Amino acid sequence: MKLIEFEAKQLLRHAGLPVPRGQLVGPGDPVEARGPVAVKAQLTRGGRGKEGLVRLTSAADAPSACEQLLEIMTELGVPPLVLVEEQAEIDQECYLGWRIDDVRQAPVLMFSAVGGVDIEAQGRLSEYAVDPLRPVHVQDLLPMLMDGGLSGRSLGAVARFAAQSYRVFCEHEADLLEINPLAILPSGNVLALDAKMSLDENAAPRHGERRGYLSAGLQTAELSPLERRAAAANVTFVELPGRVAIFSGGAGLGMALVDALADAGPGAANFVDAAGGSSADVFQAMGRIVFERARRPDVDAIIMFFTLSATSLKSAVSGLLEFLDREPPPKPMVAGLLAAGAAEREMTLAQAREAFQSRGIRCVTTIDEAVSEVSKILDSMTVA
C-alpha cells in the first residue's frame, strides 16, 4: 500500500521525527494558514510537482490555491484532498530513504547531500546495507553520511533522523520510505518536507490498522476499472502502456517479463501476480483479466509464462489447457514453461511443450525465447 504524504508524515510524527505543521483539506473545509504555505495534492502516486499539483503560496492566497488544486483533482477523477503545510527556511536539501534490497537481502539506506526531482536518475545516491538482525545506531551511519558530503552540526541531526526513520520503516513493515527533500535548517536541525512510504502488502494481516488509512481508499479509487476488478478477485494487476499482455505467476517472473519486453521495445501491457495464491480459481480469474486487457486495440500479443518447482507439471498444463479451451486467447500468444525435475514426475517438459504446440501455441522454455517469438509476431504485423 502506498501512503499519501499526510499519512506517511503522521507515522513519522508519532515516532518523534520532525515534520512541518500541516492541515488536511477537502472540498468546503476551512483553510488555516498563518504564513507562507505549501499546498500539495494528496495522491498515492508520485510526480505531483511535474503535474503542477504542488503550489507555494502566501497565507492570504492559500484558500484560493486549495480550491484550484481540488478542482483539478476532481477533473482528473481522483479524490480531491490537499495538504496545507507551513514553509520552512532551508539551508540545504538532502535525499534520504530506506528500501529493501532483494539481492542483498537487507534494508538499505540511500542518501544524497542534494535533494530534488529525479535525484535517483542522477546517479548521486550513496547506499549502505544494514544487518536486518541488528538495531541501527547513529554511529553506524556516520561514515556513510560523511562520505556522502555531510559535515558539521548537521551530520549528527541527519544520522539521528536516519536511525529513527529506520525504526519507523521496520515497525510498519515498509518496503520503501523516502524523504525528499530532507531539509537542513539554519539551526542545523532537520525537517522532513516530503515523505513517500510504501507498506509491504504481504504484512497486511499483521496490521489491521491499515484498513482505517485514508490511503487505502484513495489507492482503490485511483485504480482503473480493470485493476479494481482484479483487486476484488485477489489478483495484483497493473495496467501498462505496452503492446504485449503478460499472463504469468509470481511477482519476480512478472517483473522479469516486464523488463525484458521494455528492453526489446514493444513493452508490457500489464503486470500481474497471483496475490491470492496459486489455486485454480485465482489463476483462472487472473487469466480472464489479462485476456480482457489483451482484447483492447493497443495490445497485439500475449506472453503466458509459468515456472514450476514442485507443483505437478501435468496438473498445471491440464488446468491451463482447459482454461484456454474455455477462454481462447484474443491475440496471438506465446507460451513459456520452465519446470524443475520434481515437477516432471507425471509429464516431461517436452511433452508439455508438445501439448501446447498441438493447439497451435508456440511454447518455449526461457524468457529470452518468449520475447524473441513475440517480437517475430509483432514484426510480421508491421510487414503486413
Protein backbone atom coordinates (compact mmCIF):
# COMPACT_ATOMS: atom_id res chain seq x y z
CA MET A 1 0.00 0.00 0.00
CA LYS A 2 1.31 3.43 -0.96
CA LEU A 3 0.61 6.12 1.61
CA ILE A 4 -0.28 9.69 0.83
CA GLU A 5 2.21 12.22 2.17
CA PHE A 6 -0.06 13.26 5.05
CA GLU A 7 -0.30 9.74 6.47
CA ALA A 8 3.38 8.96 5.90
CA LYS A 9 4.23 12.09 7.88
CA GLN A 10 1.79 11.09 10.61
CA LEU A 11 3.77 7.90 11.15
CA LEU A 12 7.00 9.90 11.31
CA ARG A 13 5.47 12.45 13.70
CA HIS A 14 4.17 9.72 16.03
CA ALA A 15 7.72 8.38 16.22
CA GLY A 16 9.02 11.81 17.28
CA LEU A 17 10.54 12.76 13.93
CA PRO A 18 10.32 16.41 12.82
CA VAL A 19 7.75 17.27 10.14
CA PRO A 20 6.11 20.64 9.35
CA ARG A 21 2.75 21.55 10.85
CA GLY A 22 0.03 20.83 8.34
CA GLN A 23 -3.68 20.55 7.72
CA LEU A 24 -5.62 18.14 5.52
CA VAL A 25 -8.22 19.98 3.43
CA GLY A 26 -11.08 18.68 1.31
CA PRO A 27 -13.86 20.49 -0.59
CA GLY A 28 -15.60 23.02 1.66
CA ASP A 29 -13.11 22.72 4.54
CA PRO A 30 -11.79 25.96 6.07
CA VAL A 31 -8.12 26.70 5.41
CA GLU A 32 -5.94 27.86 8.31
CA ALA A 33 -2.66 29.48 7.28
CA ARG A 34 -0.57 31.94 9.32
CA GLY A 35 2.31 32.41 6.94
CA PRO A 36 3.75 31.09 3.66
CA VAL A 37 2.49 27.58 2.97
CA ALA A 38 2.87 24.71 0.52
CA VAL A 39 -0.39 23.33 -0.87
CA LYS A 40 0.05 19.75 -2.11
CA ALA A 41 -2.36 17.36 -3.78
CA GLN A 42 -2.60 14.10 -1.84
CA LEU A 43 -2.08 11.22 -4.22
CA THR A 44 -0.66 7.74 -3.75
CA ARG A 45 1.48 8.21 -6.89
CA GLY A 46 4.49 10.46 -7.37
CA GLY A 47 5.24 13.21 -9.85
CA ARG A 48 2.94 15.84 -8.34
CA GLY A 49 5.37 18.68 -8.92
CA LYS A 50 5.66 17.90 -12.63
CA GLU A 51 1.86 17.87 -12.90
CA GLY A 52 1.52 21.29 -11.22
CA LEU A 53 -0.13 19.77 -8.17
CA VAL A 54 2.16 21.47 -5.62
CA ARG A 55 1.80 25.22 -5.03
CA LEU A 56 3.86 27.55 -2.83
CA THR A 57 1.73 30.48 -1.74
CA SER A 58 1.08 33.12 0.91
CA ALA A 59 -1.39 32.71 3.76
CA ALA A 60 -3.83 35.09 2.06
CA ASP A 61 -3.78 33.12 -1.19
CA ALA A 62 -3.87 29.67 0.42
CA PRO A 63 -7.70 29.23 0.22
CA SER A 64 -7.65 30.07 -3.50
CA ALA A 65 -4.72 27.71 -4.17
CA CYS A 66 -6.55 24.90 -2.32
CA GLU A 67 -9.71 25.47 -4.33
CA GLN A 68 -7.80 25.39 -7.61
CA LEU A 69 -5.98 22.15 -6.79
CA LEU A 70 -9.17 20.49 -5.53
CA GLU A 71 -10.92 21.37 -8.79
CA ILE A 72 -8.01 19.98 -10.84
CA MET A 73 -8.06 16.73 -8.86
CA THR A 74 -11.81 16.39 -9.41
CA GLU A 75 -11.30 16.89 -13.16
CA LEU A 76 -8.57 14.22 -13.10
CA GLY A 77 -11.00 11.81 -11.49
CA VAL A 78 -9.08 11.40 -8.24
CA PRO A 79 -10.43 12.10 -4.74
CA PRO A 80 -9.90 15.82 -4.00
CA LEU A 81 -7.70 16.16 -0.93
CA VAL A 82 -4.78 18.54 -0.30
CA LEU A 83 -2.21 19.09 2.43
CA VAL A 84 -1.64 22.70 3.51
CA GLU A 85 1.72 22.87 5.24
CA GLU A 86 3.91 25.64 6.62
CA GLN A 87 7.01 26.51 4.62
CA ALA A 88 10.44 26.40 6.25
CA GLU A 89 13.67 28.37 5.94
CA ILE A 90 16.17 25.97 4.36
CA ASP A 91 19.96 25.93 4.26
CA GLN A 92 20.31 22.67 2.35
CA GLU A 93 18.11 19.97 0.82
CA CYS A 94 19.10 16.30 1.08
CA TYR A 95 17.64 12.99 -0.02
CA LEU A 96 17.27 10.15 2.49
CA GLY A 97 15.49 6.85 2.05
CA TRP A 98 15.21 3.24 3.12
CA ARG A 99 14.39 0.34 0.82
CA ILE A 100 14.56 -3.45 0.80
CA ASP A 101 17.33 -4.82 -1.41
CA ASP A 102 16.21 -8.26 -2.58
CA VAL A 103 19.64 -9.20 -3.87
CA ARG A 104 21.49 -8.32 -0.67
CA GLN A 105 18.50 -9.46 1.42
CA ALA A 106 18.89 -6.42 3.63
CA PRO A 107 17.45 -2.98 4.28
CA VAL A 108 19.48 -0.29 2.52
CA LEU A 109 19.91 3.36 3.48
CA MET A 110 20.04 5.70 0.48
CA PHE A 111 21.46 9.19 0.84
CA SER A 112 22.42 12.19 -1.25
CA ALA A 113 23.59 15.57 0.03
CA VAL A 114 21.50 17.02 -2.82
CA GLY A 115 17.73 16.53 -2.90
CA GLY A 116 15.13 17.31 -5.55
CA VAL A 117 13.25 15.89 -8.51
CA ASP A 118 14.65 12.79 -10.30
CA ILE A 119 17.54 12.51 -7.82
CA GLU A 120 17.59 8.72 -8.29
CA ALA A 121 18.27 9.11 -12.01
CA GLN A 122 21.25 11.39 -11.45
CA GLY A 123 23.47 8.63 -10.06
CA ARG A 124 24.30 10.61 -6.93
CA LEU A 125 22.94 8.24 -4.30
CA SER A 126 25.18 6.57 -1.74
CA GLU A 127 23.96 3.29 -0.26
CA TYR A 128 24.60 1.48 2.99
CA ALA A 129 23.20 -2.01 3.66
CA VAL A 130 22.43 -2.81 7.30
CA ASP A 131 22.21 -6.14 9.07
CA PRO A 132 18.47 -6.86 9.48
CA LEU A 133 19.18 -8.83 12.65
CA ARG A 134 20.83 -5.88 14.44
CA PRO A 135 19.47 -2.50 15.51
CA VAL A 136 20.81 0.53 13.66
CA HIS A 137 22.71 3.06 15.80
CA VAL A 138 23.62 6.61 14.92
CA GLN A 139 27.35 5.87 14.95
CA ASP A 140 26.85 3.12 12.37
CA LEU A 141 25.66 5.67 9.82
CA LEU A 142 28.14 8.49 10.32
CA PRO A 143 30.89 7.22 7.96
CA MET A 144 28.45 6.74 5.10
CA LEU A 145 26.91 10.21 5.57
CA MET A 146 30.34 11.82 5.74
CA ASP A 147 31.35 10.07 2.54
CA GLY A 148 28.14 11.46 1.05
CA GLY A 149 29.29 15.03 1.72
CA LEU A 150 27.82 15.91 5.12
CA SER A 151 29.83 17.60 7.86
CA GLY A 152 29.42 19.94 10.80
CA ARG A 153 26.47 20.03 13.15
CA SER A 154 24.00 18.80 10.51
CA LEU A 155 25.83 15.45 10.37
CA GLY A 156 24.52 14.30 13.75
CA ALA A 157 20.98 15.54 13.06
CA VAL A 158 20.78 13.65 9.77
CA ALA A 159 22.26 10.50 11.32
CA ARG A 160 19.74 10.60 14.18
CA PHE A 161 16.91 11.09 11.70
CA ALA A 162 18.15 8.16 9.60
CA ALA A 163 18.36 5.84 12.61
CA GLN A 164 14.92 6.84 13.93
CA SER A 165 13.31 6.59 10.49
CA TYR A 166 14.70 3.06 10.17
CA ARG A 167 12.71 2.10 13.25
CA VAL A 168 9.55 3.51 11.60
CA PHE A 169 10.43 1.59 8.44
CA CYS A 170 10.69 -1.69 10.37
CA GLU A 171 7.77 -1.15 12.76
CA HIS A 172 5.30 -0.58 9.94
CA GLU A 173 6.87 -3.24 7.69
CA ALA A 174 7.50 -0.86 4.80
CA ASP A 175 9.38 -1.72 1.64
CA LEU A 176 10.16 1.92 0.84
CA LEU A 177 10.49 5.15 2.81
CA GLU A 178 11.77 8.26 1.03
CA ILE A 179 12.28 11.75 2.44
CA ASN A 180 12.91 14.11 -0.45
CA PRO A 181 13.77 16.69 0.48
CA LEU A 182 15.06 16.31 3.99
CA ALA A 183 15.70 19.95 4.83
CA ILE A 184 18.65 21.11 6.90
CA LEU A 185 17.60 24.28 8.71
CA PRO A 186 19.81 27.24 9.67
CA SER A 187 19.84 25.85 13.23
CA GLY A 188 21.43 22.61 11.99
CA ASN A 189 18.27 20.63 12.73
CA VAL A 190 16.41 18.71 10.04
CA LEU A 191 12.80 18.67 8.82
CA ALA A 192 11.04 16.16 6.56
CA LEU A 193 9.47 18.37 3.90
CA ASP A 194 8.08 15.43 1.96
CA ALA A 195 7.56 11.74 2.68
CA LYS A 196 6.81 8.80 0.42
CA MET A 197 6.09 5.48 2.07
CA SER A 198 5.07 2.09 0.67
CA LEU A 199 3.92 -0.67 3.02
CA ASP A 200 4.51 -4.35 2.28
CA GLU A 201 1.15 -5.83 1.24
CA ASN A 202 2.21 -9.26 2.50
CA ALA A 203 2.36 -7.85 6.03
CA ALA A 204 -1.23 -6.53 5.94
CA PRO A 205 -2.67 -9.37 8.11
CA ARG A 206 -0.38 -8.18 10.94
CA HIS A 207 -1.52 -4.55 10.59
CA GLY A 208 -5.26 -4.27 10.98
CA GLU A 209 -4.88 -0.52 11.48
CA ARG A 210 -4.14 -0.12 7.77
CA ARG A 211 -7.81 -0.67 6.93
CA GLY A 212 -8.52 2.70 8.53
CA TYR A 213 -5.96 4.62 6.49
CA LEU A 214 -7.22 7.20 4.03
CA SER A 215 -4.58 5.92 1.63
CA ALA A 216 -6.31 2.54 1.34
CA GLY A 217 -9.49 4.11 -0.01
CA LEU A 218 -7.62 6.60 -2.19
CA GLN A 219 -5.45 3.91 -3.74
CA THR A 220 -8.55 1.90 -4.65
CA ALA A 221 -10.21 5.00 -6.11
CA GLU A 222 -7.18 5.64 -8.34
CA LEU A 223 -7.32 2.17 -9.88
CA SER A 224 -8.64 1.66 -13.38
CA PRO A 225 -11.90 -0.36 -13.64
CA LEU A 226 -9.92 -3.44 -14.70
CA GLU A 227 -7.42 -3.01 -11.86
CA ARG A 228 -10.33 -2.67 -9.44
CA ARG A 229 -11.90 -5.89 -10.68
CA ALA A 230 -8.57 -7.66 -10.29
CA ALA A 231 -8.20 -6.43 -6.71
CA ALA A 232 -11.67 -7.78 -5.90
CA ALA A 233 -10.53 -11.17 -7.24
CA ASN A 234 -7.39 -11.00 -5.06
CA VAL A 235 -5.17 -10.55 -8.11
CA THR A 236 -2.44 -7.91 -8.33
CA PHE A 237 -2.83 -6.24 -11.73
CA VAL A 238 -1.29 -3.04 -13.07
CA GLU A 239 -2.12 -1.64 -16.49
CA LEU A 240 0.89 -0.53 -18.57
CA PRO A 241 1.13 1.17 -21.97
CA GLY A 242 2.90 -1.61 -23.91
CA ARG A 243 1.79 -3.90 -26.74
CA VAL A 244 2.21 -7.32 -25.08
CA ALA A 245 -0.12 -8.63 -22.36
CA ILE A 246 1.50 -10.80 -19.69
CA PHE A 247 -0.15 -13.85 -18.10
CA SER A 248 2.28 -15.24 -15.52
CA GLY A 249 2.60 -16.36 -11.92
CA GLY A 250 4.99 -14.83 -9.40
CA ALA A 251 5.97 -11.21 -8.92
CA GLY A 252 9.63 -11.83 -9.75
CA LEU A 253 8.80 -13.60 -13.00
CA GLY A 254 6.30 -10.89 -13.90
CA MET A 255 8.85 -8.12 -13.36
CA ALA A 256 11.45 -10.02 -15.37
CA LEU A 257 8.99 -10.22 -18.27
CA VAL A 258 8.17 -6.51 -17.97
CA ASP A 259 11.89 -5.65 -18.03
CA ALA A 260 12.63 -7.97 -20.96
CA LEU A 261 9.78 -6.53 -23.03
CA ALA A 262 10.91 -2.99 -22.22
CA ASP A 263 14.44 -3.82 -23.39
CA ALA A 264 13.11 -5.43 -26.57
CA GLY A 265 10.96 -2.45 -27.46
CA PRO A 266 7.25 -3.38 -27.54
CA GLY A 267 6.77 -3.06 -23.78
CA ALA A 268 4.35 -4.84 -21.47
CA ALA A 269 0.64 -4.03 -21.42
CA ASN A 270 0.33 -5.11 -17.81
CA PHE A 271 1.97 -6.60 -14.74
CA VAL A 272 0.13 -9.42 -12.99
CA ASP A 273 0.67 -11.59 -9.93
CA ALA A 274 -1.47 -14.16 -8.15
CA ALA A 275 -1.66 -12.32 -4.83
CA GLY A 276 -4.20 -14.79 -3.51
CA GLY A 277 -2.03 -17.86 -4.03
CA SER A 278 -1.76 -20.43 -6.79
CA SER A 279 -5.23 -22.00 -6.68
CA ALA A 280 -7.01 -22.81 -9.94
CA ASP A 281 -9.71 -20.24 -9.24
CA VAL A 282 -7.16 -17.46 -8.75
CA PHE A 283 -5.27 -18.31 -11.95
CA GLN A 284 -8.49 -18.51 -13.96
CA ALA A 285 -9.56 -15.10 -12.66
CA MET A 286 -6.10 -13.76 -13.48
CA GLY A 287 -6.27 -15.21 -17.00
CA ARG A 288 -9.68 -13.67 -17.70
CA ILE A 289 -8.44 -10.23 -16.60
CA VAL A 290 -5.27 -10.48 -18.70
CA PHE A 291 -7.28 -11.56 -21.76
CA GLU A 292 -9.67 -8.66 -21.28
CA ARG A 293 -6.66 -6.32 -21.35
CA ALA A 294 -5.43 -8.13 -24.46
CA ARG A 295 -8.73 -7.56 -26.30
CA ARG A 296 -8.09 -3.84 -26.45
CA PRO A 297 -6.77 -2.49 -29.76
CA ASP A 298 -3.48 -1.23 -28.27
CA VAL A 299 -2.42 -4.81 -27.42
CA ASP A 300 -1.11 -7.04 -30.22
CA ALA A 301 0.16 -10.21 -28.50
CA ILE A 302 0.26 -12.22 -25.27
CA ILE A 303 3.05 -13.96 -23.36
CA MET A 304 1.94 -16.70 -20.97
CA PHE A 305 4.85 -17.90 -18.83
CA PHE A 306 4.93 -20.15 -15.77
CA THR A 307 7.72 -21.76 -13.75
CA LEU A 308 7.19 -24.82 -11.59
CA SER A 309 9.46 -26.27 -8.93
CA ALA A 310 7.47 -28.99 -7.16
CA THR A 311 3.91 -28.49 -8.42
CA SER A 312 2.97 -31.19 -10.91
CA LEU A 313 3.65 -30.02 -14.46
CA LYS A 314 0.88 -32.28 -15.76
CA SER A 315 -1.66 -30.77 -13.39
CA ALA A 316 -0.63 -27.22 -14.29
CA VAL A 317 -0.65 -27.87 -18.04
CA SER A 318 -4.02 -29.61 -17.89
CA GLY A 319 -5.51 -26.71 -15.98
CA LEU A 320 -4.05 -24.13 -18.37
CA LEU A 321 -5.21 -26.00 -21.47
CA GLU A 322 -8.71 -26.40 -20.03
CA PHE A 323 -8.78 -22.68 -19.36
CA LEU A 324 -7.57 -21.88 -22.89
CA ASP A 325 -10.24 -24.16 -24.36
CA ARG A 326 -12.90 -22.18 -22.49
CA GLU A 327 -11.22 -18.79 -22.97
CA PRO A 328 -9.36 -18.74 -26.31
CA PRO A 329 -6.58 -16.12 -26.40
CA PRO A 330 -7.91 -12.95 -28.07
CA LYS A 331 -4.50 -12.19 -29.65
CA PRO A 332 -1.56 -14.32 -30.85
CA MET A 333 0.09 -15.94 -27.83
CA VAL A 334 3.46 -17.43 -26.97
CA ALA A 335 3.62 -19.85 -24.02
CA GLY A 336 6.62 -20.31 -21.78
CA LEU A 337 7.18 -23.19 -19.38
CA LEU A 338 10.12 -23.96 -17.11
CA ALA A 339 9.99 -26.88 -14.71
CA ALA A 340 12.31 -28.42 -12.15
CA GLY A 341 12.83 -32.17 -12.08
CA ALA A 342 10.35 -32.68 -9.25
CA ALA A 343 7.59 -31.10 -11.34
CA GLU A 344 8.16 -33.54 -14.23
CA ARG A 345 7.16 -36.65 -12.28
CA GLU A 346 3.96 -37.15 -14.38
CA MET A 347 4.79 -35.20 -17.54
CA THR A 348 8.08 -34.10 -19.06
CA LEU A 349 8.73 -30.57 -20.22
CA ALA A 350 9.00 -31.84 -23.79
CA GLN A 351 5.55 -33.41 -23.53
CA ALA A 352 4.14 -30.21 -22.09
CA ARG A 353 5.54 -28.20 -25.00
CA GLU A 354 4.02 -30.66 -27.47
CA ALA A 355 0.62 -30.30 -25.75
CA PHE A 356 0.65 -26.53 -26.33
CA GLN A 357 2.09 -26.75 -29.84
CA SER A 358 -0.63 -29.25 -30.83
CA ARG A 359 -3.09 -26.43 -30.22
CA GLY A 360 -1.13 -24.04 -32.40
CA ILE A 361 0.53 -22.22 -29.47
CA ARG A 362 4.29 -21.69 -29.69
CA CYS A 363 5.92 -22.96 -26.47
CA VAL A 364 9.43 -22.05 -25.24
CA THR A 365 11.43 -22.50 -22.04
CA THR A 366 13.18 -19.17 -21.47
CA ILE A 367 12.12 -15.54 -21.17
CA ASP A 368 14.51 -14.53 -23.96
CA GLU A 369 12.91 -17.08 -26.29
CA ALA A 370 9.42 -15.90 -25.36
CA VAL A 371 10.27 -12.26 -26.06
CA SER A 372 12.01 -13.21 -29.31
CA GLU A 373 8.99 -15.20 -30.52
CA VAL A 374 6.51 -12.48 -29.66
CA SER A 375 8.76 -9.91 -31.35
CA LYS A 376 8.56 -12.00 -34.54
CA ILE A 377 4.77 -11.90 -34.29
CA LEU A 378 4.80 -8.12 -33.93
CA ASP A 379 7.28 -7.73 -36.79
CA SER A 380 5.04 -9.80 -39.08
CA MET A 381 2.13 -7.48 -38.26
CA THR A 382 4.23 -4.46 -39.20
CA VAL A 383 5.26 -6.02 -42.52
CA ALA A 384 1.65 -6.98 -43.29
